[in-house]
Amino acid sequence: MTETRSQSSTEVELLSFRLAEQEYSVPIMSVREIRGWTRATPLPHSPPFMRGVINLRGTVLPVIDLASRLGMPPVEGDARNVIIVVHAGGQSVGLLVDAVSDILALPRSDLQPPPELAADYAHSFVQALTIVDGRMIRVLDLSAVLPTYQTEAA
């Protein structure tokens, strides 16, 4: 039984998803739920990547267009898209993505740090890279992706 515990501590579970023909992932433990596309209510003076807010069982949930946040063209926002509800840094946020791909269980040793490219703004959001079945998957750093000003505004 202790072998199983030590194996699980050396593994990481990730939820992978697609954004503009690229694959990204977030730690499965930060994912609260996966929802179908819901049109968000825009908020005035919000940054371009902020899609707005939705009603999540009586709670106002901010929704980030993850592609826009990462410097890509915004997600169209239709029935094929999904919102991944994540919780990190004491806040819950919806991430609008193209589609969920898979749940991956990988050895931590398979995760590699991204190359340091200071001029590439999007790489500051990538915490690690891994290759699964010949596909490059980026592991996002949720604390960098989620805007911190939301909790400061009152």
C-alpha atoms as a PDB file:
ATOM      1  CA  MET A   1       0.000   0.000   0.000  1.00  0.00           C
ATOM      2  CA  THR A   2       2.842   2.417   0.699  1.00  0.00           C
ATOM      3  CA  GLU A   3       4.118   1.788  -2.839  1.00  0.00           C
ATOM      4  CA  THR A   4       0.829   3.095  -4.251  1.00  0.00           C
ATOM      5  CA  ARG A   5       1.058   6.223  -2.094  1.00  0.00           C
ATOM      6  CA  SER A   6       4.626   6.945  -3.148  1.00  0.00           C
ATOM      7  CA  GLN A   7       3.694   6.409  -6.798  1.00  0.00           C
ATOM      8  CA  SER A   8       0.764   8.804  -6.540  1.00  0.00           C
ATOM      9  CA  SER A   9       2.989  11.518  -5.029  1.00  0.00           C
ATOM     10  CA  THR A  10       5.339  11.197  -8.021  1.00  0.00           C
ATOM     11  CA  GLU A  11       2.432  11.526 -10.473  1.00  0.00           C
ATOM     12  CA  VAL A  12       0.502  14.573 -11.520  1.00  0.00           C
ATOM     13  CA  GLU A  13      -3.051  14.552 -12.903  1.00  0.00           C
ATOM     14  CA  LEU A  14      -3.924  17.141 -15.521  1.00  0.00           C
ATOM     15  CA  LEU A  15      -7.048  18.120 -17.428  1.00  0.00           C
ATOM     16  CA  SER A  16      -6.018  18.819 -21.024  1.00  0.00           C
ATOM     17  CA  PHE A  17      -7.959  21.024 -23.428  1.00  0.00           C
ATOM     18  CA  ARG A  18      -7.627  22.655 -26.837  1.00  0.00           C
ATOM     19  CA  LEU A  19      -7.173  26.315 -27.639  1.00  0.00           C
ATOM     20  CA  ALA A  20      -6.617  27.373 -31.255  1.00  0.00           C
ATOM     21  CA  GLU A  21      -5.230  23.985 -32.350  1.00  0.00           C
ATOM     22  CA  GLN A  22      -2.840  23.895 -29.377  1.00  0.00           C
ATOM     23  CA  GLU A  23      -3.111  21.752 -26.268  1.00  0.00           C
ATOM     24  CA  TYR A  24      -2.939  23.103 -22.738  1.00  0.00           C
ATOM     25  CA  SER A  25      -3.644  21.632 -19.332  1.00  0.00           C
ATOM     26  CA  VAL A  26      -4.332  22.586 -15.722  1.00  0.00           C
ATOM     27  CA  PRO A  27      -3.899  20.522 -12.556  1.00  0.00           C
ATOM     28  CA  ILE A  28      -7.022  18.385 -12.082  1.00  0.00           C
ATOM     29  CA  MET A  29      -7.189  19.321  -8.385  1.00  0.00           C
ATOM     30  CA  SER A  30      -7.856  22.965  -9.331  1.00  0.00           C
ATOM     31  CA  VAL A  31     -10.820  22.016 -11.570  1.00  0.00           C
ATOM     32  CA  ARG A  32     -14.242  22.335  -9.897  1.00  0.00           C
ATOM     33  CA  GLU A  33     -16.425  21.520 -12.911  1.00  0.00           C
ATOM     34  CA  ILE A  34     -16.727  21.611 -16.677  1.00  0.00           C
ATOM     35  CA  ARG A  35     -19.744  23.452 -18.077  1.00  0.00           C
ATOM     36  CA  GLY A  36     -21.165  23.848 -21.515  1.00  0.00           C
ATOM     37  CA  TRP A  37     -20.993  27.243 -23.196  1.00  0.00           C
ATOM     38  CA  THR A  38     -23.007  29.947 -21.456  1.00  0.00           C
ATOM     39  CA  ARG A  39     -23.078  33.503 -22.764  1.00  0.00           C
ATOM     40  CA  ALA A  40     -21.402  35.802 -20.231  1.00  0.00           C
ATOM     41  CA  THR A  41     -22.727  39.211 -19.234  1.00  0.00           C
ATOM     42  CA  PRO A  42     -20.029  41.758 -20.127  1.00  0.00           C
ATOM     43  CA  LEU A  43     -18.751  44.153 -17.478  1.00  0.00           C
ATOM     44  CA  PRO A  44     -17.765  47.746 -18.316  1.00  0.00           C
ATOM     45  CA  HIS A  45     -14.077  48.694 -18.188  1.00  0.00           C
ATOM     46  CA  SER A  46     -12.927  45.076 -17.996  1.00  0.00           C
ATOM     47  CA  PRO A  47      -9.797  43.947 -19.854  1.00  0.00           C
ATOM     48  CA  PRO A  48     -10.247  42.466 -23.354  1.00  0.00           C
ATOM     49  CA  PHE A  49      -9.672  38.882 -22.147  1.00  0.00           C
ATOM     50  CA  MET A  50     -12.506  39.166 -19.611  1.00  0.00           C
ATOM     51  CA  ARG A  51     -15.619  37.719 -21.244  1.00  0.00           C
ATOM     52  CA  GLY A  52     -17.874  38.844 -18.386  1.00  0.00           C
ATOM     53  CA  VAL A  53     -19.714  36.978 -15.628  1.00  0.00           C
ATOM     54  CA  ILE A  54     -22.165  34.075 -15.489  1.00  0.00           C
ATOM     55  CA  ASN A  55     -24.546  32.816 -12.825  1.00  0.00           C
ATOM     56  CA  LEU A  56     -23.172  29.587 -11.359  1.00  0.00           C
ATOM     57  CA  ARG A  57     -25.881  28.289  -9.037  1.00  0.00           C
ATOM     58  CA  GLY A  58     -26.459  31.708  -7.488  1.00  0.00           C
ATOM     59  CA  THR A  59     -22.795  32.758  -7.495  1.00  0.00           C
ATOM     60  CA  VAL A  60     -21.378  35.351  -9.880  1.00  0.00           C
ATOM     61  CA  LEU A  61     -18.477  33.688 -11.711  1.00  0.00           C
ATOM     62  CA  PRO A  62     -16.036  35.730 -13.839  1.00  0.00           C
ATOM     63  CA  VAL A  63     -15.228  34.124 -17.205  1.00  0.00           C
ATOM     64  CA  ILE A  64     -11.861  34.603 -18.898  1.00  0.00           C
ATOM     65  CA  ASP A  65     -11.399  33.990 -22.615  1.00  0.00           C
ATOM     66  CA  LEU A  66      -8.226  31.949 -22.140  1.00  0.00           C
ATOM     67  CA  ALA A  67      -7.106  32.274 -25.768  1.00  0.00           C
ATOM     68  CA  SER A  68      -7.327  36.065 -25.543  1.00  0.00           C
ATOM     69  CA  ARG A  69      -5.522  36.012 -22.170  1.00  0.00           C
ATOM     70  CA  LEU A  70      -2.667  34.060 -23.781  1.00  0.00           C
ATOM     71  CA  GLY A  71      -2.394  36.491 -26.699  1.00  0.00           C
ATOM     72  CA  MET A  72      -4.274  34.408 -29.296  1.00  0.00           C
ATOM     73  CA  PRO A  73      -7.428  35.356 -31.219  1.00  0.00           C
ATOM     74  CA  PRO A  74     -10.493  35.167 -28.918  1.00  0.00           C
ATOM     75  CA  VAL A  75     -12.637  32.031 -28.693  1.00  0.00           C
ATOM     76  CA  GLU A  76     -15.788  32.353 -30.820  1.00  0.00           C
ATOM     77  CA  GLY A  77     -18.120  31.317 -28.006  1.00  0.00           C
ATOM     78  CA  ASP A  78     -20.643  28.789 -29.278  1.00  0.00           C
ATOM     79  CA  ALA A  79     -22.179  25.421 -28.344  1.00  0.00           C
ATOM     80  CA  ARG A  80     -18.914  23.586 -29.102  1.00  0.00           C
ATOM     81  CA  ASN A  81     -16.972  25.545 -26.472  1.00  0.00           C
ATOM     82  CA  VAL A  82     -16.768  24.778 -22.763  1.00  0.00           C
ATOM     83  CA  ILE A  83     -16.085  26.688 -19.575  1.00  0.00           C
ATOM     84  CA  ILE A  84     -13.683  25.025 -17.143  1.00  0.00           C
ATOM     85  CA  VAL A  85     -14.396  26.286 -13.629  1.00  0.00           C
ATOM     86  CA  VAL A  86     -11.125  26.415 -11.706  1.00  0.00           C
ATOM     87  CA  HIS A  87     -10.235  27.489  -8.188  1.00  0.00           C
ATOM     88  CA  ALA A  88      -6.791  28.916  -7.477  1.00  0.00           C
ATOM     89  CA  GLY A  89      -5.385  31.600  -5.247  1.00  0.00           C
ATOM     90  CA  GLY A  90      -8.611  31.833  -3.255  1.00  0.00           C
ATOM     91  CA  GLN A  91     -10.795  32.647  -6.265  1.00  0.00           C
ATOM     92  CA  SER A  92     -12.965  30.709  -8.679  1.00  0.00           C
ATOM     93  CA  VAL A  93     -12.942  31.639 -12.357  1.00  0.00           C
ATOM     94  CA  GLY A  94     -14.344  30.154 -15.550  1.00  0.00           C
ATOM     95  CA  LEU A  95     -11.875  29.554 -18.386  1.00  0.00           C
ATOM     96  CA  LEU A  96     -13.476  29.632 -21.830  1.00  0.00           C
ATOM     97  CA  VAL A  97     -11.712  27.060 -24.075  1.00  0.00           C
ATOM     98  CA  ASP A  98     -12.385  25.367 -27.412  1.00  0.00           C
ATOM     99  CA  ALA A  99     -12.861  21.834 -26.032  1.00  0.00           C
ATOM    100  CA  VAL A 100     -11.720  19.496 -23.263  1.00  0.00           C
ATOM    101  CA  SER A 101      -9.431  16.736 -24.515  1.00  0.00           C
ATOM    102  CA  ASP A 102      -8.473  14.300 -21.776  1.00  0.00           C
ATOM    103  CA  ILE A 103      -7.479  13.598 -18.191  1.00  0.00           C
ATOM    104  CA  LEU A 104      -3.803  12.729 -18.007  1.00  0.00           C
ATOM    105  CA  ALA A 105      -1.892  10.972 -15.212  1.00  0.00           C
ATOM    106  CA  LEU A 106       1.812  11.515 -15.778  1.00  0.00           C
ATOM    107  CA  PRO A 107       4.997  11.030 -13.789  1.00  0.00           C
ATOM    108  CA  ARG A 108       6.207  14.401 -12.501  1.00  0.00           C
ATOM    109  CA  SER A 109       9.533  13.609 -14.178  1.00  0.00           C
ATOM    110  CA  ASP A 110       7.784  13.934 -17.585  1.00  0.00           C
ATOM    111  CA  LEU A 111       7.175  17.650 -16.938  1.00  0.00           C
ATOM    112  CA  GLN A 112       9.899  19.923 -18.276  1.00  0.00           C
ATOM    113  CA  PRO A 113      10.326  23.627 -17.581  1.00  0.00           C
ATOM    114  CA  PRO A 114       9.619  25.855 -20.593  1.00  0.00           C
ATOM    115  CA  PRO A 115      12.580  27.529 -22.255  1.00  0.00           C
ATOM    116  CA  GLU A 116      13.232  31.014 -20.912  1.00  0.00           C
ATOM    117  CA  LEU A 117      12.068  33.415 -23.588  1.00  0.00           C
ATOM    118  CA  ALA A 118      11.690  36.744 -21.845  1.00  0.00           C
ATOM    119  CA  ALA A 119      10.263  38.414 -24.945  1.00  0.00           C
ATOM    120  CA  ASP A 120       7.447  35.850 -25.229  1.00  0.00           C
ATOM    121  CA  TYR A 121       4.649  37.112 -22.973  1.00  0.00           C
ATOM    122  CA  ALA A 122       2.540  33.924 -23.246  1.00  0.00           C
ATOM    123  CA  HIS A 123       5.338  31.755 -21.876  1.00  0.00           C
ATOM    124  CA  SER A 124       5.075  33.475 -18.491  1.00  0.00           C
ATOM    125  CA  PHE A 125       1.766  31.602 -18.134  1.00  0.00           C
ATOM    126  CA  VAL A 126       3.319  28.188 -18.894  1.00  0.00           C
ATOM    127  CA  GLN A 127       4.707  26.369 -15.887  1.00  0.00           C
ATOM    128  CA  ALA A 128       5.801  23.158 -17.647  1.00  0.00           C
ATOM    129  CA  LEU A 129       5.734  21.263 -20.932  1.00  0.00           C
ATOM    130  CA  THR A 130       5.165  17.583 -21.571  1.00  0.00           C
ATOM    131  CA  ILE A 131       4.828  15.345 -24.590  1.00  0.00           C
ATOM    132  CA  VAL A 132       1.981  12.812 -24.677  1.00  0.00           C
ATOM    133  CA  ASP A 133       1.536  10.562 -27.721  1.00  0.00           C
ATOM    134  CA  GLY A 134       3.640  12.941 -29.801  1.00  0.00           C
ATOM    135  CA  ARG A 135       1.576  16.011 -28.768  1.00  0.00           C
ATOM    136  CA  MET A 136       3.181  18.931 -26.955  1.00  0.00           C
ATOM    137  CA  ILE A 137       1.019  19.890 -23.969  1.00  0.00           C
ATOM    138  CA  ARG A 138       1.566  23.088 -22.018  1.00  0.00           C
ATOM    139  CA  VAL A 139       0.809  23.084 -18.294  1.00  0.00           C
ATOM    140  CA  LEU A 140      -0.582  26.473 -17.282  1.00  0.00           C
ATOM    141  CA  ASP A 141       0.400  28.337 -14.141  1.00  0.00           C
ATOM    142  CA  LEU A 142      -3.078  29.305 -12.923  1.00  0.00           C
ATOM    143  CA  SER A 143      -1.763  31.876 -10.454  1.00  0.00           C
ATOM    144  CA  ALA A 144      -0.231  33.761 -13.410  1.00  0.00           C
ATOM    145  CA  VAL A 145      -3.293  33.333 -15.675  1.00  0.00           C
ATOM    146  CA  LEU A 146      -5.892  34.520 -13.176  1.00  0.00           C
ATOM    147  CA  PRO A 147      -5.948  38.305 -12.772  1.00  0.00           C
ATOM    148  CA  THR A 148      -5.244  39.421  -9.208  1.00  0.00           C
ATOM    149  CA  TYR A 149      -7.052  42.762  -9.414  1.00  0.00           C
ATOM    150  CA  GLN A 150     -10.461  41.048  -9.123  1.00  0.00           C
ATOM    151  CA  THR A 151     -10.025  40.349  -5.425  1.00  0.00           C
ATOM    152  CA  GLU A 152      -8.729  43.875  -4.794  1.00  0.00           C
ATOM    153  CA  ALA A 153     -11.730  45.614  -6.374  1.00  0.00           C
ATOM    154  CA  ALA A 154     -14.642  46.083  -4.006  1.00  0.00           C
END
